[in-house]
Amino acid sequence: MHILKAFLADNRGATAIEYGLIAALIGGAIVSAFGIFTGSLQAIFNVIGNNLPAN
């Protein structure tokens, strides 16, 4: 019982888990932003490509 109480009271790994969750949230936001802007970015590149002279 003493070992279980000591294990539950130990919070040394909590900071690493919190940083991992924050990194996962930031990564998810970046992936979502790329998904949102993909269509408009592709349209911009198509306009640029169509206006470049052909060699």
PDB file of N, CA and C in Angstrom:
ATOM      1  N   MET A   1       0.830  -1.187   0.000  1.00  0.00           N
ATOM      2  CA  MET A   1       0.000   0.000   0.000  1.00  0.00           C
ATOM      3  C   MET A   1       0.872   1.248   0.000  1.00  0.00           C
ATOM      4  N   HIS A   2       1.986   1.202   0.722  1.00  0.00           N
ATOM      5  CA  HIS A   2       2.891   2.348   0.793  1.00  0.00           C
ATOM      6  C   HIS A   2       3.509   2.638  -0.576  1.00  0.00           C
ATOM      7  N   ILE A   3       3.811   1.584  -1.326  1.00  0.00           N
ATOM      8  CA  ILE A   3       4.406   1.747  -2.654  1.00  0.00           C
ATOM      9  C   ILE A   3       3.397   2.404  -3.599  1.00  0.00           C
ATOM     10  N   LEU A   4       2.139   2.035  -3.517  1.00  0.00           N
ATOM     11  CA  LEU A   4       1.104   2.617  -4.370  1.00  0.00           C
ATOM     12  C   LEU A   4       0.916   4.094  -4.062  1.00  0.00           C
ATOM     13  N   LYS A   5       0.901   4.464  -2.788  1.00  0.00           N
ATOM     14  CA  LYS A   5       0.763   5.867  -2.410  1.00  0.00           C
ATOM     15  C   LYS A   5       1.971   6.675  -2.893  1.00  0.00           C
ATOM     16  N   ALA A   6       3.146   6.107  -2.787  1.00  0.00           N
ATOM     17  CA  ALA A   6       4.346   6.802  -3.249  1.00  0.00           C
ATOM     18  C   ALA A   6       4.322   6.964  -4.768  1.00  0.00           C
ATOM     19  N   PHE A   7       3.834   5.944  -5.476  1.00  0.00           N
ATOM     20  CA  PHE A   7       3.748   6.024  -6.933  1.00  0.00           C
ATOM     21  C   PHE A   7       2.758   7.095  -7.367  1.00  0.00           C
ATOM     22  N   LEU A   8       1.613   7.163  -6.708  1.00  0.00           N
ATOM     23  CA  LEU A   8       0.606   8.158  -7.064  1.00  0.00           C
ATOM     24  C   LEU A   8       1.030   9.571  -6.693  1.00  0.00           C
ATOM     25  N   ALA A   9       1.829   9.722  -5.667  1.00  0.00           N
ATOM     26  CA  ALA A   9       2.288  11.048  -5.237  1.00  0.00           C
ATOM     27  C   ALA A   9       3.450  11.548  -6.086  1.00  0.00           C
ATOM     28  N   ASP A  10       4.123  10.654  -6.806  1.00  0.00           N
ATOM     29  CA  ASP A  10       5.273  11.031  -7.622  1.00  0.00           C
ATOM     30  C   ASP A  10       4.799  11.746  -8.876  1.00  0.00           C
ATOM     31  N   ASN A  11       5.245  12.989  -9.099  1.00  0.00           N
ATOM     32  CA  ASN A  11       4.802  13.749 -10.265  1.00  0.00           C
ATOM     33  C   ASN A  11       5.979  14.198 -11.126  1.00  0.00           C
ATOM     34  N   ARG A  12       7.063  13.444 -11.120  1.00  0.00           N
ATOM     35  CA  ARG A  12       8.243  13.823 -11.896  1.00  0.00           C
ATOM     36  C   ARG A  12       8.001  13.753 -13.394  1.00  0.00           C
ATOM     37  N   GLY A  13       7.176  12.846 -13.863  1.00  0.00           N
ATOM     38  CA  GLY A  13       6.930  12.711 -15.291  1.00  0.00           C
ATOM     39  C   GLY A  13       5.809  13.595 -15.810  1.00  0.00           C
ATOM     40  N   ALA A  14       5.138  14.305 -14.915  1.00  0.00           N
ATOM     41  CA  ALA A  14       3.998  15.114 -15.329  1.00  0.00           C
ATOM     42  C   ALA A  14       4.413  16.230 -16.274  1.00  0.00           C
ATOM     43  N   THR A  15       5.540  16.853 -16.049  1.00  0.00           N
ATOM     44  CA  THR A  15       5.980  17.950 -16.900  1.00  0.00           C
ATOM     45  C   THR A  15       6.276  17.452 -18.308  1.00  0.00           C
ATOM     46  N   ALA A  16       6.904  16.318 -18.437  1.00  0.00           N
ATOM     47  CA  ALA A  16       7.198  15.760 -19.755  1.00  0.00           C
ATOM     48  C   ALA A  16       5.910  15.437 -20.506  1.00  0.00           C
ATOM     49  N   ILE A  17       4.932  14.913 -19.816  1.00  0.00           N
ATOM     50  CA  ILE A  17       3.643  14.612 -20.443  1.00  0.00           C
ATOM     51  C   ILE A  17       2.954  15.896 -20.879  1.00  0.00           C
ATOM     52  N   GLU A  18       3.007  16.937 -20.050  1.00  0.00           N
ATOM     53  CA  GLU A  18       2.391  18.216 -20.409  1.00  0.00           C
ATOM     54  C   GLU A  18       3.062  18.814 -21.644  1.00  0.00           C
ATOM     55  N   TYR A  19       4.391  18.763 -21.695  1.00  0.00           N
ATOM     56  CA  TYR A  19       5.093  19.273 -22.871  1.00  0.00           C
ATOM     57  C   TYR A  19       4.742  18.447 -24.107  1.00  0.00           C
ATOM     58  N   GLY A  20       4.593  17.167 -23.956  1.00  0.00           N
ATOM     59  CA  GLY A  20       4.198  16.317 -25.071  1.00  0.00           C
ATOM     60  C   GLY A  20       2.806  16.656 -25.590  1.00  0.00           C
ATOM     61  N   LEU A  21       1.880  16.918 -24.677  1.00  0.00           N
ATOM     62  CA  LEU A  21       0.527  17.301 -25.082  1.00  0.00           C
ATOM     63  C   LEU A  21       0.520  18.652 -25.788  1.00  0.00           C
ATOM     64  N   ILE A  22       1.304  19.593 -25.291  1.00  0.00           N
ATOM     65  CA  ILE A  22       1.397  20.908 -25.929  1.00  0.00           C
ATOM     66  C   ILE A  22       1.980  20.766 -27.334  1.00  0.00           C
ATOM     67  N   ALA A  23       3.025  19.976 -27.485  1.00  0.00           N
ATOM     68  CA  ALA A  23       3.627  19.757 -28.801  1.00  0.00           C
ATOM     69  C   ALA A  23       2.631  19.095 -29.750  1.00  0.00           C
ATOM     70  N   ALA A  24       1.846  18.157 -29.256  1.00  0.00           N
ATOM     71  CA  ALA A  24       0.847  17.494 -30.093  1.00  0.00           C
ATOM     72  C   ALA A  24      -0.229  18.482 -30.535  1.00  0.00           C
ATOM     73  N   LEU A  25      -0.660  19.363 -29.653  1.00  0.00           N
ATOM     74  CA  LEU A  25      -1.656  20.369 -30.014  1.00  0.00           C
ATOM     75  C   LEU A  25      -1.114  21.341 -31.056  1.00  0.00           C
ATOM     76  N   ILE A  26       0.123  21.776 -30.883  1.00  0.00           N
ATOM     77  CA  ILE A  26       0.727  22.692 -31.854  1.00  0.00           C
ATOM     78  C   ILE A  26       0.879  21.998 -33.202  1.00  0.00           C
ATOM     79  N   GLY A  27       1.317  20.745 -33.191  1.00  0.00           N
ATOM     80  CA  GLY A  27       1.438  19.980 -34.430  1.00  0.00           C
ATOM     81  C   GLY A  27       0.093  19.811 -35.129  1.00  0.00           C
ATOM     82  N   GLY A  28      -0.942  19.546 -34.365  1.00  0.00           N
ATOM     83  CA  GLY A  28      -2.281  19.426 -34.947  1.00  0.00           C
ATOM     84  C   GLY A  28      -2.761  20.733 -35.553  1.00  0.00           C
ATOM     85  N   ALA A  29      -2.450  21.848 -34.895  1.00  0.00           N
ATOM     86  CA  ALA A  29      -2.825  23.154 -35.430  1.00  0.00           C
ATOM     87  C   ALA A  29      -2.092  23.447 -36.730  1.00  0.00           C
ATOM     88  N   ILE A  30      -0.821  23.079 -36.808  1.00  0.00           N
ATOM     89  CA  ILE A  30      -0.047  23.303 -38.032  1.00  0.00           C
ATOM     90  C   ILE A  30      -0.607  22.465 -39.180  1.00  0.00           C
ATOM     91  N   VAL A  31      -0.910  21.212 -38.920  1.00  0.00           N
ATOM     92  CA  VAL A  31      -1.467  20.339 -39.954  1.00  0.00           C
ATOM     93  C   VAL A  31      -2.826  20.868 -40.415  1.00  0.00           C
ATOM     94  N   SER A  32      -3.646  21.342 -39.492  1.00  0.00           N
ATOM     95  CA  SER A  32      -4.949  21.906 -39.852  1.00  0.00           C
ATOM     96  C   SER A  32      -4.785  23.165 -40.694  1.00  0.00           C
ATOM     97  N   ALA A  33      -3.838  24.003 -40.339  1.00  0.00           N
ATOM     98  CA  ALA A  33      -3.606  25.236 -41.097  1.00  0.00           C
ATOM     99  C   ALA A  33      -3.156  24.907 -42.519  1.00  0.00           C
ATOM    100  N   PHE A  34      -2.286  23.918 -42.684  1.00  0.00           N
ATOM    101  CA  PHE A  34      -1.871  23.516 -44.030  1.00  0.00           C
ATOM    102  C   PHE A  34      -3.062  22.981 -44.817  1.00  0.00           C
ATOM    103  N   GLY A  35      -3.931  22.255 -44.158  1.00  0.00           N
ATOM    104  CA  GLY A  35      -5.121  21.735 -44.833  1.00  0.00           C
ATOM    105  C   GLY A  35      -6.060  22.835 -45.274  1.00  0.00           C
ATOM    106  N   ILE A  36      -6.182  23.871 -44.479  1.00  0.00           N
ATOM    107  CA  ILE A  36      -7.079  24.977 -44.809  1.00  0.00           C
ATOM    108  C   ILE A  36      -6.540  25.781 -45.984  1.00  0.00           C
ATOM    109  N   PHE A  37      -5.230  26.038 -45.983  1.00  0.00           N
ATOM    110  CA  PHE A  37      -4.644  26.909 -46.996  1.00  0.00           C
ATOM    111  C   PHE A  37      -4.158  26.183 -48.244  1.00  0.00           C
ATOM    112  N   THR A  38      -4.353  24.882 -48.329  1.00  0.00           N
ATOM    113  CA  THR A  38      -3.849  24.128 -49.470  1.00  0.00           C
ATOM    114  C   THR A  38      -4.495  24.574 -50.776  1.00  0.00           C
ATOM    115  N   GLY A  39      -5.795  24.752 -50.775  1.00  0.00           N
ATOM    116  CA  GLY A  39      -6.497  25.147 -51.996  1.00  0.00           C
ATOM    117  C   GLY A  39      -6.070  26.516 -52.499  1.00  0.00           C
ATOM    118  N   SER A  40      -5.996  27.481 -51.608  1.00  0.00           N
ATOM    119  CA  SER A  40      -5.605  28.824 -52.042  1.00  0.00           C
ATOM    120  C   SER A  40      -4.138  28.863 -52.452  1.00  0.00           C
ATOM    121  N   LEU A  41      -3.294  28.117 -51.787  1.00  0.00           N
ATOM    122  CA  LEU A  41      -1.881  28.071 -52.163  1.00  0.00           C
ATOM    123  C   LEU A  41      -1.707  27.425 -53.534  1.00  0.00           C
ATOM    124  N   GLN A  42      -2.467  26.393 -53.811  1.00  0.00           N
ATOM    125  CA  GLN A  42      -2.398  25.747 -55.118  1.00  0.00           C
ATOM    126  C   GLN A  42      -2.885  26.705 -56.204  1.00  0.00           C
ATOM    127  N   ALA A  43      -3.914  27.475 -55.923  1.00  0.00           N
ATOM    128  CA  ALA A  43      -4.411  28.445 -56.904  1.00  0.00           C
ATOM    129  C   ALA A  43      -3.364  29.517 -57.194  1.00  0.00           C
ATOM    130  N   ILE A  44      -2.657  29.970 -56.180  1.00  0.00           N
ATOM    131  CA  ILE A  44      -1.608  30.973 -56.378  1.00  0.00           C
ATOM    132  C   ILE A  44      -0.500  30.419 -57.268  1.00  0.00           C
ATOM    133  N   PHE A  45      -0.068  29.198 -57.010  1.00  0.00           N
ATOM    134  CA  PHE A  45       0.982  28.592 -57.826  1.00  0.00           C
ATOM    135  C   PHE A  45       0.504  28.346 -59.261  1.00  0.00           C
ATOM    136  N   ASN A  46      -0.765  28.021 -59.439  1.00  0.00           N
ATOM    137  CA  ASN A  46      -1.295  27.843 -60.791  1.00  0.00           C
ATOM    138  C   ASN A  46      -1.271  29.163 -61.558  1.00  0.00           C
ATOM    139  N   VAL A  47      -1.632  30.258 -60.915  1.00  0.00           N
ATOM    140  CA  VAL A  47      -1.593  31.570 -61.564  1.00  0.00           C
ATOM    141  C   VAL A  47      -0.164  31.920 -61.935  1.00  0.00           C
ATOM    142  N   ILE A  48       0.757  31.701 -61.028  1.00  0.00           N
ATOM    143  CA  ILE A  48       2.167  31.987 -61.313  1.00  0.00           C
ATOM    144  C   ILE A  48       2.669  31.122 -62.459  1.00  0.00           C
ATOM    145  N   GLY A  49       2.342  29.844 -62.422  1.00  0.00           N
ATOM    146  CA  GLY A  49       2.795  28.933 -63.476  1.00  0.00           C
ATOM    147  C   GLY A  49       2.198  29.278 -64.839  1.00  0.00           C
ATOM    148  N   ASN A  50       0.953  29.714 -64.854  1.00  0.00           N
ATOM    149  CA  ASN A  50       0.308  30.059 -66.126  1.00  0.00           C
ATOM    150  C   ASN A  50       0.861  31.368 -66.695  1.00  0.00           C
ATOM    151  N   ASN A  51       1.378  32.254 -65.859  1.00  0.00           N
ATOM    152  CA  ASN A  51       1.892  33.541 -66.329  1.00  0.00           C
ATOM    153  C   ASN A  51       3.379  33.525 -66.650  1.00  0.00           C
ATOM    154  N   LEU A  52       4.072  32.444 -66.365  1.00  0.00           N
ATOM    155  CA  LEU A  52       5.480  32.350 -66.712  1.00  0.00           C
ATOM    156  C   LEU A  52       5.620  32.015 -68.197  1.00  0.00           C
ATOM    157  N   PRO A  53       6.591  32.607 -68.850  1.00  0.00           N
ATOM    158  CA  PRO A  53       6.790  32.277 -70.267  1.00  0.00           C
ATOM    159  C   PRO A  53       7.328  30.849 -70.432  1.00  0.00           C
ATOM    160  N   ALA A  54       6.863  30.191 -71.479  1.00  0.00           N
ATOM    161  CA  ALA A  54       7.333  28.829 -71.750  1.00  0.00           C
ATOM    162  C   ALA A  54       8.661  28.890 -72.501  1.00  0.00           C
ATOM    163  N   ASN A  55       9.569  27.995 -72.183  1.00  0.00           N
ATOM    164  CA  ASN A  55      10.878  27.961 -72.863  1.00  0.00           C
ATOM    165  C   ASN A  55      10.866  26.964 -73.967  1.00  0.00           C
TER     166      ASN A  55
END
